[in-house]
């Protein structure tokens, strides 16, 4: 499966990277490298993670990484995974 990153994901990631870099450029780079490595493995078991809490669609899943939620769409008909965005996880009960 091909992994596609939506513009909204790329813009949000850039904002997160800028925020982390204010404290430590090394931490920001480490965050980005680790995240990109993890995202490349989504095609192994795309349904491994929970159904998204943001969308009512079985094919949209939430990958949680270091306090952030990355919703992604499993597009079986086009043999691809579309990474939609990245947002700070809020555990509200």
PDB file of N, CA and C in Angstrom:
ATOM      1  N   UNK A   1       0.842  -1.188   0.000  1.00  0.00           N
ATOM      2  CA  UNK A   1       0.000   0.000   0.000  1.00  0.00           C
ATOM      3  C   UNK A   1       0.881   1.243   0.000  1.00  0.00           C
ATOM      4  N   UNK A   2       0.447   2.196  -0.765  1.00  0.00           N
ATOM      5  CA  UNK A   2       1.142   3.472  -0.805  1.00  0.00           C
ATOM      6  C   UNK A   2       0.642   4.344   0.348  1.00  0.00           C
ATOM      7  N   UNK A   3       1.537   5.105   0.963  1.00  0.00           N
ATOM      8  CA  UNK A   3       1.157   6.002   2.054  1.00  0.00           C
ATOM      9  C   UNK A   3       1.236   7.435   1.547  1.00  0.00           C
ATOM     10  N   UNK A   4       0.095   8.120   1.615  1.00  0.00           N
ATOM     11  CA  UNK A   4      -0.043   9.494   1.133  1.00  0.00           C
ATOM     12  C   UNK A   4      -0.254  10.406   2.335  1.00  0.00           C
ATOM     13  N   UNK A   5       0.405  11.548   2.340  1.00  0.00           N
ATOM     14  CA  UNK A   5       0.239  12.529   3.421  1.00  0.00           C
ATOM     15  C   UNK A   5      -0.522  13.737   2.886  1.00  0.00           C
ATOM     16  N   UNK A   6      -1.679  13.992   3.479  1.00  0.00           N
ATOM     17  CA  UNK A   6      -2.489  15.149   3.093  1.00  0.00           C
ATOM     18  C   UNK A   6      -1.778  16.445   3.475  1.00  0.00           C
ATOM     19  N   UNK A   7      -2.121  17.511   2.784  1.00  0.00           N
ATOM     20  CA  UNK A   7      -1.548  18.830   3.067  1.00  0.00           C
ATOM     21  C   UNK A   7      -1.829  19.258   4.511  1.00  0.00           C
ATOM     22  N   UNK A   8      -3.022  18.927   5.017  1.00  0.00           N
ATOM     23  CA  UNK A   8      -3.375  19.293   6.395  1.00  0.00           C
ATOM     24  C   UNK A   8      -2.428  18.629   7.399  1.00  0.00           C
ATOM     25  N   UNK A   9      -2.046  17.387   7.132  1.00  0.00           N
ATOM     26  CA  UNK A   9      -1.084  16.702   7.990  1.00  0.00           C
ATOM     27  C   UNK A   9       0.260  17.409   7.947  1.00  0.00           C
ATOM     28  N   UNK A  10       0.726  17.712   6.755  1.00  0.00           N
ATOM     29  CA  UNK A  10       2.049  18.334   6.601  1.00  0.00           C
ATOM     30  C   UNK A  10       2.106  19.709   7.277  1.00  0.00           C
ATOM     31  N   UNK A  11       1.034  20.492   7.150  1.00  0.00           N
ATOM     32  CA  UNK A  11       1.000  21.804   7.790  1.00  0.00           C
ATOM     33  C   UNK A  11       0.953  21.687   9.311  1.00  0.00           C
ATOM     34  N   UNK A  12       0.139  20.779   9.814  1.00  0.00           N
ATOM     35  CA  UNK A  12       0.059  20.580  11.266  1.00  0.00           C
ATOM     36  C   UNK A  12       1.385  20.080  11.819  1.00  0.00           C
ATOM     37  N   UNK A  13       2.016  19.162  11.110  1.00  0.00           N
ATOM     38  CA  UNK A  13       3.312  18.644  11.552  1.00  0.00           C
ATOM     39  C   UNK A  13       4.353  19.756  11.582  1.00  0.00           C
ATOM     40  N   UNK A  14       4.330  20.619  10.595  1.00  0.00           N
ATOM     41  CA  UNK A  14       5.263  21.742  10.560  1.00  0.00           C
ATOM     42  C   UNK A  14       5.058  22.649  11.778  1.00  0.00           C
ATOM     43  N   UNK A  15       3.811  22.914  12.147  1.00  0.00           N
ATOM     44  CA  UNK A  15       3.521  23.733  13.326  1.00  0.00           C
ATOM     45  C   UNK A  15       4.002  23.056  14.608  1.00  0.00           C
ATOM     46  N   UNK A  16       3.780  21.766  14.706  1.00  0.00           N
ATOM     47  CA  UNK A  16       4.236  21.015  15.887  1.00  0.00           C
ATOM     48  C   UNK A  16       5.747  21.034  15.969  1.00  0.00           C
ATOM     49  N   UNK A  17       6.404  20.837  14.839  1.00  0.00           N
ATOM     50  CA  UNK A  17       7.863  20.850  14.813  1.00  0.00           C
ATOM     51  C   UNK A  17       8.410  22.215  15.250  1.00  0.00           C
ATOM     52  N   UNK A  18       7.793  23.273  14.789  1.00  0.00           N
ATOM     53  CA  UNK A  18       8.223  24.624  15.175  1.00  0.00           C
ATOM     54  C   UNK A  18       8.063  24.830  16.677  1.00  0.00           C
ATOM     55  N   UNK A  19       6.958  24.341  17.221  1.00  0.00           N
ATOM     56  CA  UNK A  19       6.708  24.476  18.652  1.00  0.00           C
ATOM     57  C   UNK A  19       7.753  23.708  19.467  1.00  0.00           C
ATOM     58  N   UNK A  20       8.020  22.471  19.087  1.00  0.00           N
ATOM     59  CA  UNK A  20       9.018  21.660  19.803  1.00  0.00           C
ATOM     60  C   UNK A  20      10.406  22.272  19.646  1.00  0.00           C
ATOM     61  N   UNK A  21      10.713  22.793  18.472  1.00  0.00           N
ATOM     62  CA  UNK A  21      12.035  23.368  18.204  1.00  0.00           C
ATOM     63  C   UNK A  21      12.313  24.607  19.041  1.00  0.00           C
ATOM     64  N   UNK A  22      11.264  25.293  19.497  1.00  0.00           N
ATOM     65  CA  UNK A  22      11.473  26.443  20.387  1.00  0.00           C
ATOM     66  C   UNK A  22      12.196  26.021  21.660  1.00  0.00           C
ATOM     67  N   UNK A  23      11.949  24.793  22.086  1.00  0.00           N
ATOM     68  CA  UNK A  23      12.600  24.249  23.276  1.00  0.00           C
ATOM     69  C   UNK A  23      13.888  23.532  22.913  1.00  0.00           C
ATOM     70  N   UNK A  24      13.844  22.715  21.849  1.00  0.00           N
ATOM     71  CA  UNK A  24      15.015  21.923  21.464  1.00  0.00           C
ATOM     72  C   UNK A  24      14.906  21.480  20.006  1.00  0.00           C
ATOM     73  N   UNK A  25      15.824  21.939  19.194  1.00  0.00           N
ATOM     74  CA  UNK A  25      15.841  21.537  17.788  1.00  0.00           C
ATOM     75  C   UNK A  25      16.111  20.037  17.668  1.00  0.00           C
ATOM     76  N   UNK A  26      16.993  19.504  18.518  1.00  0.00           N
ATOM     77  CA  UNK A  26      17.289  18.065  18.486  1.00  0.00           C
ATOM     78  C   UNK A  26      16.048  17.231  18.779  1.00  0.00           C
ATOM     79  N   UNK A  27      15.262  17.659  19.784  1.00  0.00           N
ATOM     80  CA  UNK A  27      14.029  16.928  20.111  1.00  0.00           C
ATOM     81  C   UNK A  27      13.028  16.991  18.969  1.00  0.00           C
ATOM     82  N   UNK A  28      12.953  18.140  18.319  1.00  0.00           N
ATOM     83  CA  UNK A  28      12.032  18.297  17.195  1.00  0.00           C
ATOM     84  C   UNK A  28      12.426  17.352  16.052  1.00  0.00           C
ATOM     85  N   UNK A  29      13.694  17.304  15.747  1.00  0.00           N
ATOM     86  CA  UNK A  29      14.164  16.418  14.682  1.00  0.00           C
ATOM     87  C   UNK A  29      13.959  14.953  15.039  1.00  0.00           C
ATOM     88  N   UNK A  30      14.228  14.605  16.285  1.00  0.00           N
ATOM     89  CA  UNK A  30      14.024  13.227  16.735  1.00  0.00           C
ATOM     90  C   UNK A  30      12.542  12.844  16.633  1.00  0.00           C
ATOM     91  N   UNK A  31      11.662  13.756  17.037  1.00  0.00           N
ATOM     92  CA  UNK A  31      10.222  13.531  16.952  1.00  0.00           C
ATOM     93  C   UNK A  31       9.816  13.243  15.501  1.00  0.00           C
ATOM     94  N   UNK A  32      10.274  14.083  14.581  1.00  0.00           N
ATOM     95  CA  UNK A  32       9.902  13.921  13.179  1.00  0.00           C
ATOM     96  C   UNK A  32      10.445  12.622  12.590  1.00  0.00           C
ATOM     97  N   UNK A  33      11.683  12.294  12.887  1.00  0.00           N
ATOM     98  CA  UNK A  33      12.281  11.066  12.364  1.00  0.00           C
ATOM     99  C   UNK A  33      11.537   9.840  12.868  1.00  0.00           C
ATOM    100  N   UNK A  34      11.275   9.800  14.181  1.00  0.00           N
ATOM    101  CA  UNK A  34      10.563   8.650  14.748  1.00  0.00           C
ATOM    102  C   UNK A  34       9.146   8.537  14.193  1.00  0.00           C
ATOM    103  N   UNK A  35       8.466   9.671  14.051  1.00  0.00           N
ATOM    104  CA  UNK A  35       7.100   9.642  13.529  1.00  0.00           C
ATOM    105  C   UNK A  35       7.091   9.126  12.093  1.00  0.00           C
ATOM    106  N   UNK A  36       7.957   9.628  11.254  1.00  0.00           N
ATOM    107  CA  UNK A  36       8.005   9.189   9.861  1.00  0.00           C
ATOM    108  C   UNK A  36       8.324   7.691   9.757  1.00  0.00           C
ATOM    109  N   UNK A  37       9.216   7.203  10.625  1.00  0.00           N
ATOM    110  CA  UNK A  37       9.525   5.766  10.637  1.00  0.00           C
ATOM    111  C   UNK A  37       8.296   4.948  11.005  1.00  0.00           C
ATOM    112  N   UNK A  38       7.573   5.397  12.031  1.00  0.00           N
ATOM    113  CA  UNK A  38       6.378   4.671  12.472  1.00  0.00           C
ATOM    114  C   UNK A  38       5.297   4.673  11.390  1.00  0.00           C
ATOM    115  N   UNK A  39       5.122   5.808  10.718  1.00  0.00           N
ATOM    116  CA  UNK A  39       4.074   5.902   9.707  1.00  0.00           C
ATOM    117  C   UNK A  39       4.343   4.988   8.516  1.00  0.00           C
ATOM    118  N   UNK A  40       5.600   4.709   8.231  1.00  0.00           N
ATOM    119  CA  UNK A  40       5.909   3.824   7.107  1.00  0.00           C
ATOM    120  C   UNK A  40       5.473   2.390   7.380  1.00  0.00           C
ATOM    121  N   UNK A  41       5.205   2.048   8.629  1.00  0.00           N
ATOM    122  CA  UNK A  41       4.799   0.680   8.962  1.00  0.00           C
ATOM    123  C   UNK A  41       3.282   0.490   8.990  1.00  0.00           C
ATOM    124  N   UNK A  42       2.527   1.545   8.773  1.00  0.00           N
ATOM    125  CA  UNK A  42       1.066   1.429   8.824  1.00  0.00           C
ATOM    126  C   UNK A  42       0.515   0.426   7.826  1.00  0.00           C
ATOM    127  N   UNK A  43       1.193   0.265   6.707  1.00  0.00           N
ATOM    128  CA  UNK A  43       0.664  -0.642   5.685  1.00  0.00           C
ATOM    129  C   UNK A  43       0.780  -2.116   6.062  1.00  0.00           C
ATOM    130  N   UNK A  44       1.562  -2.432   7.096  1.00  0.00           N
ATOM    131  CA  UNK A  44       1.681  -3.827   7.536  1.00  0.00           C
ATOM    132  C   UNK A  44       0.362  -4.359   8.107  1.00  0.00           C
ATOM    133  N   UNK A  45      -0.233  -3.613   9.006  1.00  0.00           N
ATOM    134  CA  UNK A  45      -1.513  -3.971   9.630  1.00  0.00           C
ATOM    135  C   UNK A  45      -2.352  -2.703   9.747  1.00  0.00           C
ATOM    136  N   UNK A  46      -2.944  -2.231   8.680  1.00  0.00           N
ATOM    137  CA  UNK A  46      -3.627  -0.934   8.715  1.00  0.00           C
ATOM    138  C   UNK A  46      -4.813  -0.861   9.683  1.00  0.00           C
ATOM    139  N   UNK A  47      -5.441  -1.995   9.981  1.00  0.00           N
ATOM    140  CA  UNK A  47      -6.587  -1.981  10.899  1.00  0.00           C
ATOM    141  C   UNK A  47      -6.179  -2.260  12.344  1.00  0.00           C
ATOM    142  N   UNK A  48      -4.900  -2.226  12.620  1.00  0.00           N
ATOM    143  CA  UNK A  48      -4.387  -2.529  13.957  1.00  0.00           C
ATOM    144  C   UNK A  48      -4.887  -1.528  15.005  1.00  0.00           C
ATOM    145  N   UNK A  49      -5.017  -0.278  14.629  1.00  0.00           N
ATOM    146  CA  UNK A  49      -5.358   0.759  15.591  1.00  0.00           C
ATOM    147  C   UNK A  49      -6.860   1.005  15.641  1.00  0.00           C
ATOM    148  N   UNK A  50      -7.288   1.676  16.683  1.00  0.00           N
ATOM    149  CA  UNK A  50      -8.723   1.879  16.932  1.00  0.00           C
ATOM    150  C   UNK A  50      -9.392   2.693  15.833  1.00  0.00           C
ATOM    151  N   UNK A  51     -10.707   2.494  15.711  1.00  0.00           N
ATOM    152  CA  UNK A  51     -11.490   3.338  14.816  1.00  0.00           C
ATOM    153  C   UNK A  51     -11.395   4.766  15.333  1.00  0.00           C
ATOM    154  N   UNK A  52     -11.334   5.711  14.440  1.00  0.00           N
ATOM    155  CA  UNK A  52     -11.144   7.112  14.826  1.00  0.00           C
ATOM    156  C   UNK A  52     -12.282   7.621  15.702  1.00  0.00           C
ATOM    157  N   UNK A  53     -11.910   8.409  16.699  1.00  0.00           N
ATOM    158  CA  UNK A  53     -12.909   9.065  17.537  1.00  0.00           C
ATOM    159  C   UNK A  53     -13.415  10.346  16.867  1.00  0.00           C
ATOM    160  N   UNK A  54     -12.771  10.746  15.789  1.00  0.00           N
ATOM    161  CA  UNK A  54     -13.124  11.977  15.090  1.00  0.00           C
ATOM    162  C   UNK A  54     -14.035  11.740  13.885  1.00  0.00           C
ATOM    163  N   UNK A  55     -14.100  10.506  13.410  1.00  0.00           N
ATOM    164  CA  UNK A  55     -14.874  10.181  12.212  1.00  0.00           C
ATOM    165  C   UNK A  55     -15.692   8.911  12.464  1.00  0.00           C
ATOM    166  N   UNK A  56     -16.871   8.857  11.899  1.00  0.00           N
ATOM    167  CA  UNK A  56     -17.697   7.662  12.005  1.00  0.00           C
ATOM    168  C   UNK A  56     -17.525   6.823  10.741  1.00  0.00           C
ATOM    169  N   UNK A  57     -16.333   6.274  10.610  1.00  0.00           N
ATOM    170  CA  UNK A  57     -16.007   5.479   9.435  1.00  0.00           C
ATOM    171  C   UNK A  57     -15.017   4.402   9.872  1.00  0.00           C
ATOM    172  N   UNK A  58     -15.383   3.167   9.634  1.00  0.00           N
ATOM    173  CA  UNK A  58     -14.555   2.025  10.029  1.00  0.00           C
ATOM    174  C   UNK A  58     -13.170   2.048   9.381  1.00  0.00           C
ATOM    175  N   UNK A  59     -13.061   2.710   8.251  1.00  0.00           N
ATOM    176  CA  UNK A  59     -11.792   2.755   7.525  1.00  0.00           C
ATOM    177  C   UNK A  59     -10.904   3.927   7.915  1.00  0.00           C
ATOM    178  N   UNK A  60     -11.347   4.730   8.864  1.00  0.00           N
ATOM    179  CA  UNK A  60     -10.501   5.808   9.379  1.00  0.00           C
ATOM    180  C   UNK A  60     -10.073   5.422  10.785  1.00  0.00           C
ATOM    181  N   UNK A  61      -8.779   5.337  10.981  1.00  0.00           N
ATOM    182  CA  UNK A  61      -8.183   4.879  12.233  1.00  0.00           C
ATOM    183  C   UNK A  61      -7.366   5.981  12.873  1.00  0.00           C
ATOM    184  N   UNK A  62      -7.129   5.838  14.171  1.00  0.00           N
ATOM    185  CA  UNK A  62      -6.301   6.785  14.925  1.00  0.00           C
ATOM    186  C   UNK A  62      -5.023   6.102  15.364  1.00  0.00           C
ATOM    187  N   UNK A  63      -3.915   6.623  14.891  1.00  0.00           N
ATOM    188  CA  UNK A  63      -2.608   6.177  15.376  1.00  0.00           C
ATOM    189  C   UNK A  63      -2.163   7.191  16.416  1.00  0.00           C
ATOM    190  N   UNK A  64      -1.814   6.727  17.606  1.00  0.00           N
ATOM    191  CA  UNK A  64      -1.393   7.623  18.682  1.00  0.00           C
ATOM    192  C   UNK A  64       0.114   7.537  18.819  1.00  0.00           C
ATOM    193  N   UNK A  65       0.740   8.722  18.812  1.00  0.00           N
ATOM    194  CA  UNK A  65       2.196   8.811  18.866  1.00  0.00           C
ATOM    195  C   UNK A  65       2.587   9.987  19.751  1.00  0.00           C
ATOM    196  N   UNK A  66       3.247   9.687  20.867  1.00  0.00           N
ATOM    197  CA  UNK A  66       3.804  10.696  21.771  1.00  0.00           C
ATOM    198  C   UNK A  66       2.803  11.813  22.105  1.00  0.00           C
ATOM    199  N   UNK A  67       1.586  11.444  22.433  1.00  0.00           N
ATOM    200  CA  UNK A  67       0.586  12.428  22.829  1.00  0.00           C
ATOM    201  C   UNK A  67      -0.147  13.090  21.673  1.00  0.00           C
ATOM    202  N   UNK A  68       0.062  12.604  20.471  1.00  0.00           N
ATOM    203  CA  UNK A  68      -0.621  13.139  19.294  1.00  0.00           C
ATOM    204  C   UNK A  68      -1.439  12.032  18.636  1.00  0.00           C
ATOM    205  N   UNK A  69      -2.551  12.426  18.027  1.00  0.00           N
ATOM    206  CA  UNK A  69      -3.400  11.488  17.293  1.00  0.00           C
ATOM    207  C   UNK A  69      -3.244  11.782  15.803  1.00  0.00           C
ATOM    208  N   UNK A  70      -2.987  10.734  15.052  1.00  0.00           N
ATOM    209  CA  UNK A  70      -2.835  10.850  13.605  1.00  0.00           C
ATOM    210  C   UNK A  70      -3.946  10.016  12.966  1.00  0.00           C
ATOM    211  N   UNK A  71      -5.054  10.659  12.560  1.00  0.00           N
ATOM    212  CA  UNK A  71      -6.096   9.908  11.865  1.00  0.00           C
ATOM    213  C   UNK A  71      -5.653   9.600  10.433  1.00  0.00           C
ATOM    214  N   UNK A  72      -5.939   8.371  10.002  1.00  0.00           N
ATOM    215  CA  UNK A  72      -5.589   7.982   8.642  1.00  0.00           C
ATOM    216  C   UNK A  72      -6.709   7.150   8.039  1.00  0.00           C
ATOM    217  N   UNK A  73      -6.846   7.273   6.724  1.00  0.00           N
ATOM    218  CA  UNK A  73      -7.906   6.609   5.976  1.00  0.00           C
ATOM    219  C   UNK A  73      -7.310   5.436   5.199  1.00  0.00           C
ATOM    220  N   UNK A  74      -7.912   4.270   5.367  1.00  0.00           N
ATOM    221  CA  UNK A  74      -7.484   3.082   4.639  1.00  0.00           C
ATOM    222  C   UNK A  74      -8.339   2.998   3.377  1.00  0.00           C
ATOM    223  N   UNK A  75      -7.726   3.334   2.262  1.00  0.00           N
ATOM    224  CA  UNK A  75      -8.406   3.369   0.972  1.00  0.00           C
ATOM    225  C   UNK A  75      -8.073   2.081   0.217  1.00  0.00           C
ATOM    226  N   UNK A  76      -8.828   1.044   0.529  1.00  0.00           N
ATOM    227  CA  UNK A  76      -8.574  -0.284  -0.037  1.00  0.00           C
ATOM    228  C   UNK A  76      -8.698  -0.272  -1.555  1.00  0.00           C
ATOM    229  N   UNK A  77      -9.714   0.388  -2.085  1.00  0.00           N
ATOM    230  CA  UNK A  77      -9.952   0.362  -3.529  1.00  0.00           C
ATOM    231  C   UNK A  77      -8.799   0.956  -4.334  1.00  0.00           C
ATOM    232  N   UNK A  78      -8.045   1.892  -3.733  1.00  0.00           N
ATOM    233  CA  UNK A  78      -6.901   2.492  -4.421  1.00  0.00           C
ATOM    234  C   UNK A  78      -5.565   2.018  -3.854  1.00  0.00           C
ATOM    235  N   UNK A  79      -5.631   1.027  -2.964  1.00  0.00           N
ATOM    236  CA  UNK A  79      -4.429   0.433  -2.375  1.00  0.00           C
ATOM    237  C   UNK A  79      -3.503   1.485  -1.777  1.00  0.00           C
ATOM    238  N   UNK A  80      -4.092   2.314  -0.890  1.00  0.00           N
ATOM    239  CA  UNK A  80      -3.293   3.355  -0.254  1.00  0.00           C
ATOM    240  C   UNK A  80      -3.824   3.691   1.137  1.00  0.00           C
ATOM    241  N   UNK A  81      -2.969   4.311   1.899  1.00  0.00           N
ATOM    242  CA  UNK A  81      -3.325   4.852   3.207  1.00  0.00           C
ATOM    243  C   UNK A  81      -3.106   6.347   3.126  1.00  0.00           C
ATOM    244  N   UNK A  82      -4.125   7.108   3.516  1.00  0.00           N
ATOM    245  CA  UNK A  82      -4.044   8.564   3.449  1.00  0.00           C
ATOM    246  C   UNK A  82      -3.971   9.106   4.875  1.00  0.00           C
ATOM    247  N   UNK A  83      -2.859   9.728   5.205  1.00  0.00           N
ATOM    248  CA  UNK A  83      -2.687  10.317   6.528  1.00  0.00           C
ATOM    249  C   UNK A  83      -3.340  11.689   6.494  1.00  0.00           C
ATOM    250  N   UNK A  84      -4.369  11.864   7.335  1.00  0.00           N
ATOM    251  CA  UNK A  84      -5.228  13.033   7.238  1.00  0.00           C
ATOM    252  C   UNK A  84      -4.713  14.244   8.002  1.00  0.00           C
ATOM    253  N   UNK A  85      -4.238  14.025   9.220  1.00  0.00           N
ATOM    254  CA  UNK A  85      -3.839  15.154  10.059  1.00  0.00           C
ATOM    255  C   UNK A  85      -3.052  14.640  11.254  1.00  0.00           C
ATOM    256  N   UNK A  86      -2.614  15.558  12.094  1.00  0.00           N
ATOM    257  CA  UNK A  86      -2.008  15.221  13.381  1.00  0.00           C
ATOM    258  C   UNK A  86      -2.471  16.279  14.366  1.00  0.00           C
ATOM    259  N   UNK A  87      -3.034  15.833  15.492  1.00  0.00           N
ATOM    260  CA  UNK A  87      -3.563  16.751  16.501  1.00  0.00           C
ATOM    261  C   UNK A  87      -3.121  16.290  17.891  1.00  0.00           C
ATOM    262  N   UNK A  88      -3.050  17.240  18.796  1.00  0.00           N
ATOM    263  CA  UNK A  88      -2.702  16.921  20.175  1.00  0.00           C
ATOM    264  C   UNK A  88      -3.843  16.106  20.779  1.00  0.00           C
ATOM    265  N   UNK A  89      -3.499  15.005  21.435  1.00  0.00           N
ATOM    266  CA  UNK A  89      -4.505  14.137  22.048  1.00  0.00           C
ATOM    267  C   UNK A  89      -5.021  14.772  23.317  1.00  0.00           C
ATOM    268  N   UNK A  90      -6.341  14.840  23.446  1.00  0.00           N
ATOM    269  CA  UNK A  90      -6.973  15.381  24.655  1.00  0.00           C
ATOM    270  C   UNK A  90      -7.814  14.277  25.268  1.00  0.00           C
ATOM    271  N   UNK A  91      -7.427  13.842  26.439  1.00  0.00           N
ATOM    272  CA  UNK A  91      -8.159  12.779  27.131  1.00  0.00           C
ATOM    273  C   UNK A  91      -9.203  13.426  28.018  1.00  0.00           C
ATOM    274  N   UNK A  92     -10.367  13.643  27.441  1.00  0.00           N
ATOM    275  CA  UNK A  92     -11.464  14.284  28.164  1.00  0.00           C
ATOM    276  C   UNK A  92     -12.487  13.242  28.578  1.00  0.00           C
ATOM    277  N   UNK A  93     -12.741  13.173  29.854  1.00  0.00           N
ATOM    278  CA  UNK A  93     -13.726  12.205  30.361  1.00  0.00           C
ATOM    279  C   UNK A  93     -14.852  12.956  31.016  1.00  0.00           C
TER     280      UNK A  93
END
